[in-house]
Amino acid sequence: MASPDPKPPKRIRDPELLRALHLEWRSCALCGSTGKLSLHHIHRHPRDDVRANLVMLCGSGTTGCHGRITVNDPVVIRHLGKHLIQQRKDTIEYLGAKLGGVLAVGEWLRRFGYIR
């Protein structure tokens, strides 16, 4: 029996998609701000550049909603979880494919604080 491949899956990089989403998504998915915006990778291992793995947030990795997600602010993380469940079926399906099914998605959302 062969052992599992220890290398992580190769990251999908798509700079064209990132540019397109910056033009398409013009406000923060959580607070509606139209100030400084940045794309957040929902599933970060690997940080696949696919629409279903991205959400537009205000600020950067250290400011705004994006910064609050980065520092694991439980209120903002739960707000993002609610957004994903209610409005991003594509993300839930993407996570299911990455994590091995809908039950794994629920566990992943609980483990990272997106839901209780």
PDB file of N, CA and C in Angstrom:
ATOM      1  N   MET A   1       0.832  -1.172   0.000  1.00  0.00           N
ATOM      2  CA  MET A   1       0.000   0.000   0.000  1.00  0.00           C
ATOM      3  C   MET A   1       0.884   1.244   0.000  1.00  0.00           C
ATOM      4  N   ALA A   2       0.619   2.141  -0.919  1.00  0.00           N
ATOM      5  CA  ALA A   2       1.419   3.360  -1.037  1.00  0.00           C
ATOM      6  C   ALA A   2       1.030   4.347   0.058  1.00  0.00           C
ATOM      7  N   SER A   3       2.042   5.078   0.528  1.00  0.00           N
ATOM      8  CA  SER A   3       1.750   6.097   1.541  1.00  0.00           C
ATOM      9  C   SER A   3       1.230   7.355   0.852  1.00  0.00           C
ATOM     10  N   PRO A   4       0.468   8.160   1.572  1.00  0.00           N
ATOM     11  CA  PRO A   4      -0.072   9.378   0.964  1.00  0.00           C
ATOM     12  C   PRO A   4       1.051  10.343   0.588  1.00  0.00           C
ATOM     13  N   ASP A   5       0.793  11.125  -0.438  1.00  0.00           N
ATOM     14  CA  ASP A   5       1.750  12.128  -0.880  1.00  0.00           C
ATOM     15  C   ASP A   5       1.845  13.204   0.187  1.00  0.00           C
ATOM     16  N   PRO A   6       3.045  13.443   0.762  1.00  0.00           N
ATOM     17  CA  PRO A   6       3.162  14.424   1.846  1.00  0.00           C
ATOM     18  C   PRO A   6       3.108  15.878   1.366  1.00  0.00           C
ATOM     19  N   LYS A   7       3.253  16.110   0.071  1.00  0.00           N
ATOM     20  CA  LYS A   7       3.233  17.482  -0.434  1.00  0.00           C
ATOM     21  C   LYS A   7       1.800  17.996  -0.488  1.00  0.00           C
ATOM     22  N   PRO A   8       1.605  19.260  -0.126  1.00  0.00           N
ATOM     23  CA  PRO A   8       0.256  19.820  -0.239  1.00  0.00           C
ATOM     24  C   PRO A   8      -0.129  19.956  -1.703  1.00  0.00           C
ATOM     25  N   PRO A   9      -1.433  20.032  -1.988  1.00  0.00           N
ATOM     26  CA  PRO A   9      -1.850  20.213  -3.379  1.00  0.00           C
ATOM     27  C   PRO A   9      -1.299  21.518  -3.929  1.00  0.00           C
ATOM     28  N   LYS A  10      -1.027  21.528  -5.212  1.00  0.00           N
ATOM     29  CA  LYS A  10      -0.501  22.726  -5.851  1.00  0.00           C
ATOM     30  C   LYS A  10      -1.550  23.831  -5.830  1.00  0.00           C
ATOM     31  N   ARG A  11      -1.111  25.022  -5.507  1.00  0.00           N
ATOM     32  CA  ARG A  11      -1.993  26.179  -5.441  1.00  0.00           C
ATOM     33  C   ARG A  11      -2.430  26.600  -6.843  1.00  0.00           C
ATOM     34  N   ILE A  12      -3.700  26.962  -6.969  1.00  0.00           N
ATOM     35  CA  ILE A  12      -4.208  27.511  -8.227  1.00  0.00           C
ATOM     36  C   ILE A  12      -3.987  29.019  -8.174  1.00  0.00           C
ATOM     37  N   ARG A  13      -3.232  29.532  -9.118  1.00  0.00           N
ATOM     38  CA  ARG A  13      -2.977  30.973  -9.195  1.00  0.00           C
ATOM     39  C   ARG A  13      -3.670  31.526 -10.436  1.00  0.00           C
ATOM     40  N   ASP A  14      -4.381  32.636 -10.253  1.00  0.00           N
ATOM     41  CA  ASP A  14      -5.105  33.234 -11.371  1.00  0.00           C
ATOM     42  C   ASP A  14      -5.149  34.756 -11.201  1.00  0.00           C
ATOM     43  N   PRO A  15      -4.055  35.440 -11.552  1.00  0.00           N
ATOM     44  CA  PRO A  15      -4.023  36.898 -11.378  1.00  0.00           C
ATOM     45  C   PRO A  15      -5.104  37.618 -12.181  1.00  0.00           C
ATOM     46  N   GLU A  16      -5.501  37.067 -13.317  1.00  0.00           N
ATOM     47  CA  GLU A  16      -6.569  37.691 -14.115  1.00  0.00           C
ATOM     48  C   GLU A  16      -7.895  37.681 -13.345  1.00  0.00           C
ATOM     49  N   LEU A  17      -8.209  36.568 -12.695  1.00  0.00           N
ATOM     50  CA  LEU A  17      -9.430  36.494 -11.899  1.00  0.00           C
ATOM     51  C   LEU A  17      -9.375  37.503 -10.758  1.00  0.00           C
ATOM     52  N   LEU A  18      -8.235  37.612 -10.094  1.00  0.00           N
ATOM     53  CA  LEU A  18      -8.111  38.562  -8.988  1.00  0.00           C
ATOM     54  C   LEU A  18      -8.379  39.982  -9.462  1.00  0.00           C
ATOM     55  N   ARG A  19      -7.835  40.345 -10.604  1.00  0.00           N
ATOM     56  CA  ARG A  19      -8.081  41.682 -11.162  1.00  0.00           C
ATOM     57  C   ARG A  19      -9.572  41.860 -11.497  1.00  0.00           C
ATOM     58  N   ALA A  20     -10.160  40.841 -12.100  1.00  0.00           N
ATOM     59  CA  ALA A  20     -11.583  40.917 -12.482  1.00  0.00           C
ATOM     60  C   ALA A  20     -12.485  41.059 -11.254  1.00  0.00           C
ATOM     61  N   LEU A  21     -12.173  40.329 -10.175  1.00  0.00           N
ATOM     62  CA  LEU A  21     -13.005  40.404  -8.986  1.00  0.00           C
ATOM     63  C   LEU A  21     -12.891  41.765  -8.306  1.00  0.00           C
ATOM     64  N   HIS A  22     -11.720  42.386  -8.388  1.00  0.00           N
ATOM     65  CA  HIS A  22     -11.574  43.740  -7.834  1.00  0.00           C
ATOM     66  C   HIS A  22     -12.470  44.729  -8.580  1.00  0.00           C
ATOM     67  N   LEU A  23     -12.715  44.477  -9.854  1.00  0.00           N
ATOM     68  CA  LEU A  23     -13.610  45.338 -10.628  1.00  0.00           C
ATOM     69  C   LEU A  23     -15.082  44.983 -10.394  1.00  0.00           C
ATOM     70  N   GLU A  24     -15.351  43.696 -10.191  1.00  0.00           N
ATOM     71  CA  GLU A  24     -16.734  43.222 -10.037  1.00  0.00           C
ATOM     72  C   GLU A  24     -17.279  43.439  -8.626  1.00  0.00           C
ATOM     73  N   TRP A  25     -16.514  43.060  -7.621  1.00  0.00           N
ATOM     74  CA  TRP A  25     -16.957  43.161  -6.233  1.00  0.00           C
ATOM     75  C   TRP A  25     -16.471  44.502  -5.682  1.00  0.00           C
ATOM     76  N   ARG A  26     -17.345  45.463  -5.601  1.00  0.00           N
ATOM     77  CA  ARG A  26     -16.967  46.842  -5.279  1.00  0.00           C
ATOM     78  C   ARG A  26     -17.213  47.235  -3.824  1.00  0.00           C
ATOM     79  N   SER A  27     -17.617  46.277  -2.976  1.00  0.00           N
ATOM     80  CA  SER A  27     -17.845  46.601  -1.568  1.00  0.00           C
ATOM     81  C   SER A  27     -17.534  45.382  -0.697  1.00  0.00           C
ATOM     82  N   CYS A  28     -17.335  45.650   0.577  1.00  0.00           N
ATOM     83  CA  CYS A  28     -17.042  44.594   1.548  1.00  0.00           C
ATOM     84  C   CYS A  28     -18.275  43.704   1.712  1.00  0.00           C
ATOM     85  N   ALA A  29     -18.080  42.407   1.638  1.00  0.00           N
ATOM     86  CA  ALA A  29     -19.183  41.450   1.782  1.00  0.00           C
ATOM     87  C   ALA A  29     -19.791  41.478   3.177  1.00  0.00           C
ATOM     88  N   LEU A  30     -19.067  42.004   4.161  1.00  0.00           N
ATOM     89  CA  LEU A  30     -19.557  41.979   5.537  1.00  0.00           C
ATOM     90  C   LEU A  30     -20.172  43.295   5.991  1.00  0.00           C
ATOM     91  N   CYS A  31     -19.505  44.410   5.708  1.00  0.00           N
ATOM     92  CA  CYS A  31     -20.013  45.690   6.222  1.00  0.00           C
ATOM     93  C   CYS A  31     -20.486  46.638   5.126  1.00  0.00           C
ATOM     94  N   GLY A  32     -20.220  46.298   3.872  1.00  0.00           N
ATOM     95  CA  GLY A  32     -20.669  47.125   2.761  1.00  0.00           C
ATOM     96  C   GLY A  32     -19.760  48.297   2.426  1.00  0.00           C
ATOM     97  N   SER A  33     -18.655  48.453   3.140  1.00  0.00           N
ATOM     98  CA  SER A  33     -17.733  49.560   2.889  1.00  0.00           C
ATOM     99  C   SER A  33     -17.215  49.507   1.454  1.00  0.00           C
ATOM    100  N   THR A  34     -17.027  50.693   0.875  1.00  0.00           N
ATOM    101  CA  THR A  34     -16.467  50.775  -0.476  1.00  0.00           C
ATOM    102  C   THR A  34     -15.083  51.414  -0.454  1.00  0.00           C
ATOM    103  N   GLY A  35     -14.500  51.538   0.733  1.00  0.00           N
ATOM    104  CA  GLY A  35     -13.157  52.101   0.864  1.00  0.00           C
ATOM    105  C   GLY A  35     -12.114  51.127   0.340  1.00  0.00           C
ATOM    106  N   LYS A  36     -10.968  51.062   1.010  1.00  0.00           N
ATOM    107  CA  LYS A  36      -9.908  50.122   0.611  1.00  0.00           C
ATOM    108  C   LYS A  36     -10.442  48.701   0.734  1.00  0.00           C
ATOM    109  N   LEU A  37     -10.330  47.934  -0.346  1.00  0.00           N
ATOM    110  CA  LEU A  37     -10.835  46.568  -0.380  1.00  0.00           C
ATOM    111  C   LEU A  37      -9.720  45.597  -0.720  1.00  0.00           C
ATOM    112  N   SER A  38      -9.842  44.376  -0.223  1.00  0.00           N
ATOM    113  CA  SER A  38      -8.877  43.324  -0.556  1.00  0.00           C
ATOM    114  C   SER A  38      -9.589  41.983  -0.572  1.00  0.00           C
ATOM    115  N   LEU A  39      -9.044  41.068  -1.344  1.00  0.00           N
ATOM    116  CA  LEU A  39      -9.622  39.727  -1.440  1.00  0.00           C
ATOM    117  C   LEU A  39      -9.059  38.847  -0.331  1.00  0.00           C
ATOM    118  N   HIS A  40      -9.948  38.100   0.301  1.00  0.00           N
ATOM    119  CA  HIS A  40      -9.569  37.168   1.363  1.00  0.00           C
ATOM    120  C   HIS A  40      -9.786  35.749   0.855  1.00  0.00           C
ATOM    121  N   HIS A  41      -8.786  34.889   1.028  1.00  0.00           N
ATOM    122  CA  HIS A  41      -8.909  33.474   0.690  1.00  0.00           C
ATOM    123  C   HIS A  41      -9.585  32.767   1.861  1.00  0.00           C
ATOM    124  N   ILE A  42     -10.706  32.153   1.611  1.00  0.00           N
ATOM    125  CA  ILE A  42     -11.480  31.508   2.672  1.00  0.00           C
ATOM    126  C   ILE A  42     -10.768  30.251   3.151  1.00  0.00           C
ATOM    127  N   HIS A  43     -10.435  29.366   2.234  1.00  0.00           N
ATOM    128  CA  HIS A  43      -9.657  28.165   2.571  1.00  0.00           C
ATOM    129  C   HIS A  43      -8.227  28.488   2.204  1.00  0.00           C
ATOM    130  N   ARG A  44      -7.354  28.520   3.211  1.00  0.00           N
ATOM    131  CA  ARG A  44      -6.021  29.055   2.981  1.00  0.00           C
ATOM    132  C   ARG A  44      -4.945  28.011   2.719  1.00  0.00           C
ATOM    133  N   HIS A  45      -5.300  26.749   2.663  1.00  0.00           N
ATOM    134  CA  HIS A  45      -4.276  25.722   2.433  1.00  0.00           C
ATOM    135  C   HIS A  45      -4.737  24.758   1.364  1.00  0.00           C
ATOM    136  N   PRO A  46      -4.457  24.963   0.105  1.00  0.00           N
ATOM    137  CA  PRO A  46      -3.726  26.100  -0.460  1.00  0.00           C
ATOM    138  C   PRO A  46      -4.638  27.288  -0.704  1.00  0.00           C
ATOM    139  N   ARG A  47      -4.038  28.439  -0.910  1.00  0.00           N
ATOM    140  CA  ARG A  47      -4.786  29.675  -1.175  1.00  0.00           C
ATOM    141  C   ARG A  47      -5.173  29.717  -2.654  1.00  0.00           C
ATOM    142  N   ASP A  48      -6.108  28.868  -3.032  1.00  0.00           N
ATOM    143  CA  ASP A  48      -6.513  28.796  -4.439  1.00  0.00           C
ATOM    144  C   ASP A  48      -7.189  30.089  -4.887  1.00  0.00           C
ATOM    145  N   ASP A  49      -6.750  30.598  -6.031  1.00  0.00           N
ATOM    146  CA  ASP A  49      -7.371  31.776  -6.640  1.00  0.00           C
ATOM    147  C   ASP A  49      -8.520  31.321  -7.536  1.00  0.00           C
ATOM    148  N   VAL A  50      -9.609  30.905  -6.899  1.00  0.00           N
ATOM    149  CA  VAL A  50     -10.835  30.554  -7.604  1.00  0.00           C
ATOM    150  C   VAL A  50     -11.954  31.360  -6.953  1.00  0.00           C
ATOM    151  N   ARG A  51     -12.917  31.769  -7.744  1.00  0.00           N
ATOM    152  CA  ARG A  51     -14.012  32.637  -7.256  1.00  0.00           C
ATOM    153  C   ARG A  51     -14.628  32.086  -5.971  1.00  0.00           C
ATOM    154  N   ALA A  52     -14.868  30.792  -5.902  1.00  0.00           N
ATOM    155  CA  ALA A  52     -15.536  30.195  -4.751  1.00  0.00           C
ATOM    156  C   ALA A  52     -14.697  30.255  -3.475  1.00  0.00           C
ATOM    157  N   ASN A  53     -13.415  30.499  -3.594  1.00  0.00           N
ATOM    158  CA  ASN A  53     -12.534  30.563  -2.427  1.00  0.00           C
ATOM    159  C   ASN A  53     -12.201  31.997  -2.033  1.00  0.00           C
ATOM    160  N   LEU A  54     -12.842  32.960  -2.646  1.00  0.00           N
ATOM    161  CA  LEU A  54     -12.512  34.360  -2.394  1.00  0.00           C
ATOM    162  C   LEU A  54     -13.728  35.142  -1.939  1.00  0.00           C
ATOM    163  N   VAL A  55     -13.471  36.123  -1.108  1.00  0.00           N
ATOM    164  CA  VAL A  55     -14.505  37.051  -0.664  1.00  0.00           C
ATOM    165  C   VAL A  55     -13.851  38.422  -0.557  1.00  0.00           C
ATOM    166  N   MET A  56     -14.583  39.465  -0.966  1.00  0.00           N
ATOM    167  CA  MET A  56     -14.060  40.825  -0.881  1.00  0.00           C
ATOM    168  C   MET A  56     -14.352  41.383   0.506  1.00  0.00           C
ATOM    169  N   LEU A  57     -13.298  41.878   1.149  1.00  0.00           N
ATOM    170  CA  LEU A  57     -13.425  42.473   2.475  1.00  0.00           C
ATOM    171  C   LEU A  57     -12.782  43.848   2.480  1.00  0.00           C
ATOM    172  N   CYS A  58     -13.230  44.695   3.384  1.00  0.00           N
ATOM    173  CA  CYS A  58     -12.603  46.008   3.508  1.00  0.00           C
ATOM    174  C   CYS A  58     -11.295  45.870   4.282  1.00  0.00           C
ATOM    175  N   GLY A  59     -10.401  46.834   4.048  1.00  0.00           N
ATOM    176  CA  GLY A  59      -9.130  46.857   4.744  1.00  0.00           C
ATOM    177  C   GLY A  59      -8.106  45.955   4.088  1.00  0.00           C
ATOM    178  N   SER A  60      -7.131  45.586   4.901  1.00  0.00           N
ATOM    179  CA  SER A  60      -6.059  44.701   4.439  1.00  0.00           C
ATOM    180  C   SER A  60      -5.989  43.550   5.434  1.00  0.00           C
ATOM    181  N   GLY A  61      -4.949  42.796   5.388  1.00  0.00           N
ATOM    182  CA  GLY A  61      -4.792  41.713   6.357  1.00  0.00           C
ATOM    183  C   GLY A  61      -4.605  42.207   7.779  1.00  0.00           C
ATOM    184  N   THR A  62      -4.448  43.529   7.962  1.00  0.00           N
ATOM    185  CA  THR A  62      -4.253  44.079   9.309  1.00  0.00           C
ATOM    186  C   THR A  62      -5.282  45.142   9.685  1.00  0.00           C
ATOM    187  N   THR A  63      -6.141  45.547   8.747  1.00  0.00           N
ATOM    188  CA  THR A  63      -7.131  46.583   9.027  1.00  0.00           C
ATOM    189  C   THR A  63      -8.509  46.136   8.546  1.00  0.00           C
ATOM    190  N   GLY A  64      -9.546  46.857   8.967  1.00  0.00           N
ATOM    191  CA  GLY A  64     -10.909  46.600   8.508  1.00  0.00           C
ATOM    192  C   GLY A  64     -11.394  45.194   8.827  1.00  0.00           C
ATOM    193  N   CYS A  65     -12.425  44.771   8.114  1.00  0.00           N
ATOM    194  CA  CYS A  65     -12.959  43.415   8.303  1.00  0.00           C
ATOM    195  C   CYS A  65     -11.902  42.357   7.992  1.00  0.00           C
ATOM    196  N   HIS A  66     -11.074  42.612   6.975  1.00  0.00           N
ATOM    197  CA  HIS A  66     -10.022  41.652   6.625  1.00  0.00           C
ATOM    198  C   HIS A  66      -9.066  41.467   7.799  1.00  0.00           C
ATOM    199  N   GLY A  67      -8.675  42.553   8.417  1.00  0.00           N
ATOM    200  CA  GLY A  67      -7.783  42.471   9.580  1.00  0.00           C
ATOM    201  C   GLY A  67      -8.432  41.758  10.751  1.00  0.00           C
ATOM    202  N   ARG A  68      -9.722  42.007  10.950  1.00  0.00           N
ATOM    203  CA  ARG A  68     -10.421  41.356  12.062  1.00  0.00           C
ATOM    204  C   ARG A  68     -10.559  39.851  11.832  1.00  0.00           C
ATOM    205  N   ILE A  69     -10.703  39.441  10.565  1.00  0.00           N
ATOM    206  CA  ILE A  69     -10.700  38.006  10.251  1.00  0.00           C
ATOM    207  C   ILE A  69      -9.321  37.419  10.536  1.00  0.00           C
ATOM    208  N   THR A  70      -8.275  38.141  10.121  1.00  0.00           N
ATOM    209  CA  THR A  70      -6.898  37.669  10.305  1.00  0.00           C
ATOM    210  C   THR A  70      -6.561  37.430  11.769  1.00  0.00           C
ATOM    211  N   VAL A  71      -7.055  38.304  12.653  1.00  0.00           N
ATOM    212  CA  VAL A  71      -6.755  38.143  14.088  1.00  0.00           C
ATOM    213  C   VAL A  71      -7.812  37.305  14.807  1.00  0.00           C
ATOM    214  N   ASN A  72      -8.666  36.647  14.024  1.00  0.00           N
ATOM    215  CA  ASN A  72      -9.663  35.716  14.565  1.00  0.00           C
ATOM    216  C   ASN A  72     -10.679  36.375  15.488  1.00  0.00           C
ATOM    217  N   ASP A  73     -11.168  37.550  15.121  1.00  0.00           N
ATOM    218  CA  ASP A  73     -12.236  38.202  15.869  1.00  0.00           C
ATOM    219  C   ASP A  73     -13.484  37.334  15.737  1.00  0.00           C
ATOM    220  N   PRO A  74     -13.970  36.749  16.841  1.00  0.00           N
ATOM    221  CA  PRO A  74     -15.070  35.785  16.735  1.00  0.00           C
ATOM    222  C   PRO A  74     -16.357  36.371  16.162  1.00  0.00           C
ATOM    223  N   VAL A  75     -16.637  37.635  16.433  1.00  0.00           N
ATOM    224  CA  VAL A  75     -17.868  38.247  15.921  1.00  0.00           C
ATOM    225  C   VAL A  75     -17.809  38.355  14.401  1.00  0.00           C
ATOM    226  N   VAL A  76     -16.703  38.823  13.877  1.00  0.00           N
ATOM    227  CA  VAL A  76     -16.570  39.005  12.428  1.00  0.00           C
ATOM    228  C   VAL A  76     -16.460  37.648  11.734  1.00  0.00           C
ATOM    229  N   ILE A  77     -15.794  36.703  12.350  1.00  0.00           N
ATOM    230  CA  ILE A  77     -15.689  35.363  11.764  1.00  0.00           C
ATOM    231  C   ILE A  77     -17.066  34.720  11.655  1.00  0.00           C
ATOM    232  N   ARG A  78     -17.893  34.851  12.693  1.00  0.00           N
ATOM    233  CA  ARG A  78     -19.255  34.291  12.619  1.00  0.00           C
ATOM    234  C   ARG A  78     -20.084  35.019  11.567  1.00  0.00           C
ATOM    235  N   HIS A  79     -19.874  36.327  11.437  1.00  0.00           N
ATOM    236  CA  HIS A  79     -20.583  37.094  10.409  1.00  0.00           C
ATOM    237  C   HIS A  79     -20.192  36.587   9.019  1.00  0.00           C
ATOM    238  N   LEU A  80     -18.907  36.304   8.813  1.00  0.00           N
ATOM    239  CA  LEU A  80     -18.464  35.750   7.536  1.00  0.00           C
ATOM    240  C   LEU A  80     -19.063  34.356   7.319  1.00  0.00           C
ATOM    241  N   GLY A  81     -19.093  33.539   8.363  1.00  0.00           N
ATOM    242  CA  GLY A  81     -19.705  32.217   8.243  1.00  0.00           C
ATOM    243  C   GLY A  81     -21.160  32.303   7.821  1.00  0.00           C
ATOM    244  N   LYS A  82     -21.904  33.219   8.417  1.00  0.00           N
ATOM    245  CA  LYS A  82     -23.308  33.417   8.057  1.00  0.00           C
ATOM    246  C   LYS A  82     -23.419  33.848   6.596  1.00  0.00           C
ATOM    247  N   HIS A  83     -22.544  34.758   6.179  1.00  0.00           N
ATOM    248  CA  HIS A  83     -22.534  35.204   4.781  1.00  0.00           C
ATOM    249  C   HIS A  83     -22.281  34.031   3.836  1.00  0.00           C
ATOM    250  N   LEU A  84     -21.297  33.194   4.170  1.00  0.00           N
ATOM    251  CA  LEU A  84     -20.964  32.054   3.310  1.00  0.00           C
ATOM    252  C   LEU A  84     -22.137  31.088   3.206  1.00  0.00           C
ATOM    253  N   ILE A  85     -22.740  30.769   4.332  1.00  0.00           N
ATOM    254  CA  ILE A  85     -23.836  29.799   4.348  1.00  0.00           C
ATOM    255  C   ILE A  85     -25.060  30.346   3.609  1.00  0.00           C
ATOM    256  N   GLN A  86     -25.366  31.615   3.808  1.00  0.00           N
ATOM    257  CA  GLN A  86     -26.581  32.180   3.227  1.00  0.00           C
ATOM    258  C   GLN A  86     -26.419  32.629   1.775  1.00  0.00           C
ATOM    259  N   GLN A  87     -25.223  33.097   1.405  1.00  0.00           N
ATOM    260  CA  GLN A  87     -25.088  33.726   0.100  1.00  0.00           C
ATOM    261  C   GLN A  87     -24.039  33.113  -0.816  1.00  0.00           C
ATOM    262  N   ARG A  88     -23.255  32.170  -0.330  1.00  0.00           N
ATOM    263  CA  ARG A  88     -22.160  31.656  -1.153  1.00  0.00           C
ATOM    264  C   ARG A  88     -22.197  30.136  -1.274  1.00  0.00           C
ATOM    265  N   LYS A  89     -23.243  29.646  -1.929  1.00  0.00           N
ATOM    266  CA  LYS A  89     -23.366  28.206  -2.162  1.00  0.00           C
ATOM    267  C   LYS A  89     -22.133  27.679  -2.898  1.00  0.00           C
ATOM    268  N   ASP A  90     -21.565  28.503  -3.797  1.00  0.00           N
ATOM    269  CA  ASP A  90     -20.373  28.093  -4.532  1.00  0.00           C
ATOM    270  C   ASP A  90     -19.218  27.803  -3.587  1.00  0.00           C
ATOM    271  N   THR A  91     -19.097  28.586  -2.525  1.00  0.00           N
ATOM    272  CA  THR A  91     -18.019  28.387  -1.557  1.00  0.00           C
ATOM    273  C   THR A  91     -18.238  27.115  -0.760  1.00  0.00           C
ATOM    274  N   ILE A  92     -19.461  26.861  -0.339  1.00  0.00           N
ATOM    275  CA  ILE A  92     -19.758  25.646   0.416  1.00  0.00           C
ATOM    276  C   ILE A  92     -19.462  24.417  -0.445  1.00  0.00           C
ATOM    277  N   GLU A  93     -19.832  24.456  -1.729  1.00  0.00           N
ATOM    278  CA  GLU A  93     -19.539  23.338  -2.634  1.00  0.00           C
ATOM    279  C   GLU A  93     -18.030  23.181  -2.838  1.00  0.00           C
ATOM    280  N   TYR A  94     -17.311  24.284  -2.991  1.00  0.00           N
ATOM    281  CA  TYR A  94     -15.850  24.248  -3.142  1.00  0.00           C
ATOM    282  C   TYR A  94     -15.214  23.613  -1.903  1.00  0.00           C
ATOM    283  N   LEU A  95     -15.640  24.064  -0.715  1.00  0.00           N
ATOM    284  CA  LEU A  95     -15.092  23.497   0.518  1.00  0.00           C
ATOM    285  C   LEU A  95     -15.417  22.016   0.635  1.00  0.00           C
ATOM    286  N   GLY A  96     -16.629  21.626   0.223  1.00  0.00           N
ATOM    287  CA  GLY A  96     -16.994  20.213   0.252  1.00  0.00           C
ATOM    288  C   GLY A  96     -16.063  19.378  -0.602  1.00  0.00           C
ATOM    289  N   ALA A  97     -15.727  19.880  -1.783  1.00  0.00           N
ATOM    290  CA  ALA A  97     -14.812  19.159  -2.673  1.00  0.00           C
ATOM    291  C   ALA A  97     -13.407  19.095  -2.079  1.00  0.00           C
ATOM    292  N   LYS A  98     -12.964  20.181  -1.463  1.00  0.00           N
ATOM    293  CA  LYS A  98     -11.618  20.229  -0.869  1.00  0.00           C
ATOM    294  C   LYS A  98     -11.508  19.380   0.386  1.00  0.00           C
ATOM    295  N   LEU A  99     -12.567  19.389   1.197  1.00  0.00           N
ATOM    296  CA  LEU A  99     -12.501  18.787   2.526  1.00  0.00           C
ATOM    297  C   LEU A  99     -13.107  17.396   2.614  1.00  0.00           C
ATOM    298  N   GLY A 100     -13.817  16.964   1.582  1.00  0.00           N
ATOM    299  CA  GLY A 100     -14.344  15.607   1.583  1.00  0.00           C
ATOM    300  C   GLY A 100     -15.813  15.482   1.945  1.00  0.00           C
ATOM    301  N   GLY A 101     -16.608  16.475   1.619  1.00  0.00           N
ATOM    302  CA  GLY A 101     -18.050  16.351   1.807  1.00  0.00           C
ATOM    303  C   GLY A 101     -18.634  17.379   2.744  1.00  0.00           C
ATOM    304  N   VAL A 102     -19.954  17.375   2.776  1.00  0.00           N
ATOM    305  CA  VAL A 102     -20.701  18.378   3.525  1.00  0.00           C
ATOM    306  C   VAL A 102     -20.459  18.272   5.035  1.00  0.00           C
ATOM    307  N   LEU A 103     -20.328  17.070   5.569  1.00  0.00           N
ATOM    308  CA  LEU A 103     -20.059  16.926   7.003  1.00  0.00           C
ATOM    309  C   LEU A 103     -18.705  17.524   7.355  1.00  0.00           C
ATOM    310  N   ALA A 104     -17.730  17.334   6.493  1.00  0.00           N
ATOM    311  CA  ALA A 104     -16.404  17.918   6.722  1.00  0.00           C
ATOM    312  C   ALA A 104     -16.460  19.436   6.675  1.00  0.00           C
ATOM    313  N   VAL A 105     -17.308  19.989   5.817  1.00  0.00           N
ATOM    314  CA  VAL A 105     -17.457  21.447   5.735  1.00  0.00           C
ATOM    315  C   VAL A 105     -18.012  21.972   7.055  1.00  0.00           C
ATOM    316  N   GLY A 106     -19.037  21.332   7.581  1.00  0.00           N
ATOM    317  CA  GLY A 106     -19.606  21.749   8.861  1.00  0.00           C
ATOM    318  C   GLY A 106     -18.581  21.714   9.972  1.00  0.00           C
ATOM    319  N   GLU A 107     -17.791  20.659  10.024  1.00  0.00           N
ATOM    320  CA  GLU A 107     -16.740  20.548  11.043  1.00  0.00           C
ATOM    321  C   GLU A 107     -15.694  21.640  10.855  1.00  0.00           C
ATOM    322  N   TRP A 108     -15.307  21.900   9.611  1.00  0.00           N
ATOM    323  CA  TRP A 108     -14.317  22.946   9.319  1.00  0.00           C
ATOM    324  C   TRP A 108     -14.855  24.307   9.748  1.00  0.00           C
ATOM    325  N   LEU A 109     -16.129  24.601   9.436  1.00  0.00           N
ATOM    326  CA  LEU A 109     -16.735  25.875   9.824  1.00  0.00           C
ATOM    327  C   LEU A 109     -16.778  26.027  11.344  1.00  0.00           C
ATOM    328  N   ARG A 110     -17.078  24.936  12.061  1.00  0.00           N
ATOM    329  CA  ARG A 110     -17.091  24.982  13.531  1.00  0.00           C
ATOM    330  C   ARG A 110     -15.675  25.150  14.085  1.00  0.00           C
ATOM    331  N   ARG A 111     -14.731  24.403  13.569  1.00  0.00           N
ATOM    332  CA  ARG A 111     -13.359  24.444  14.082  1.00  0.00           C
ATOM    333  C   ARG A 111     -12.759  25.835  13.969  1.00  0.00           C
ATOM    334  N   PHE A 112     -13.045  26.530  12.877  1.00  0.00           N
ATOM    335  CA  PHE A 112     -12.478  27.857  12.682  1.00  0.00           C
ATOM    336  C   PHE A 112     -13.391  28.968  13.195  1.00  0.00           C
ATOM    337  N   GLY A 113     -14.492  28.609  13.850  1.00  0.00           N
ATOM    338  CA  GLY A 113     -15.339  29.605  14.493  1.00  0.00           C
ATOM    339  C   GLY A 113     -16.367  30.274  13.624  1.00  0.00           C
ATOM    340  N   TYR A 114     -16.532  29.799  12.373  1.00  0.00           N
ATOM    341  CA  TYR A 114     -17.520  30.411  11.476  1.00  0.00           C
ATOM    342  C   TYR A 114     -18.950  30.147  11.938  1.00  0.00           C
ATOM    343  N   ILE A 115     -19.143  29.002  12.590  1.00  0.00           N
ATOM    344  CA  ILE A 115     -20.444  28.674  13.180  1.00  0.00           C
ATOM    345  C   ILE A 115     -20.174  28.053  14.539  1.00  0.00           C
ATOM    346  N   ARG A 116     -21.219  27.989  15.361  1.00  0.00           N
ATOM    347  CA  ARG A 116     -21.070  27.386  16.697  1.00  0.00           C
ATOM    348  C   ARG A 116     -21.491  25.958  16.682  1.00  0.00           C
TER     349      ARG A 116
END
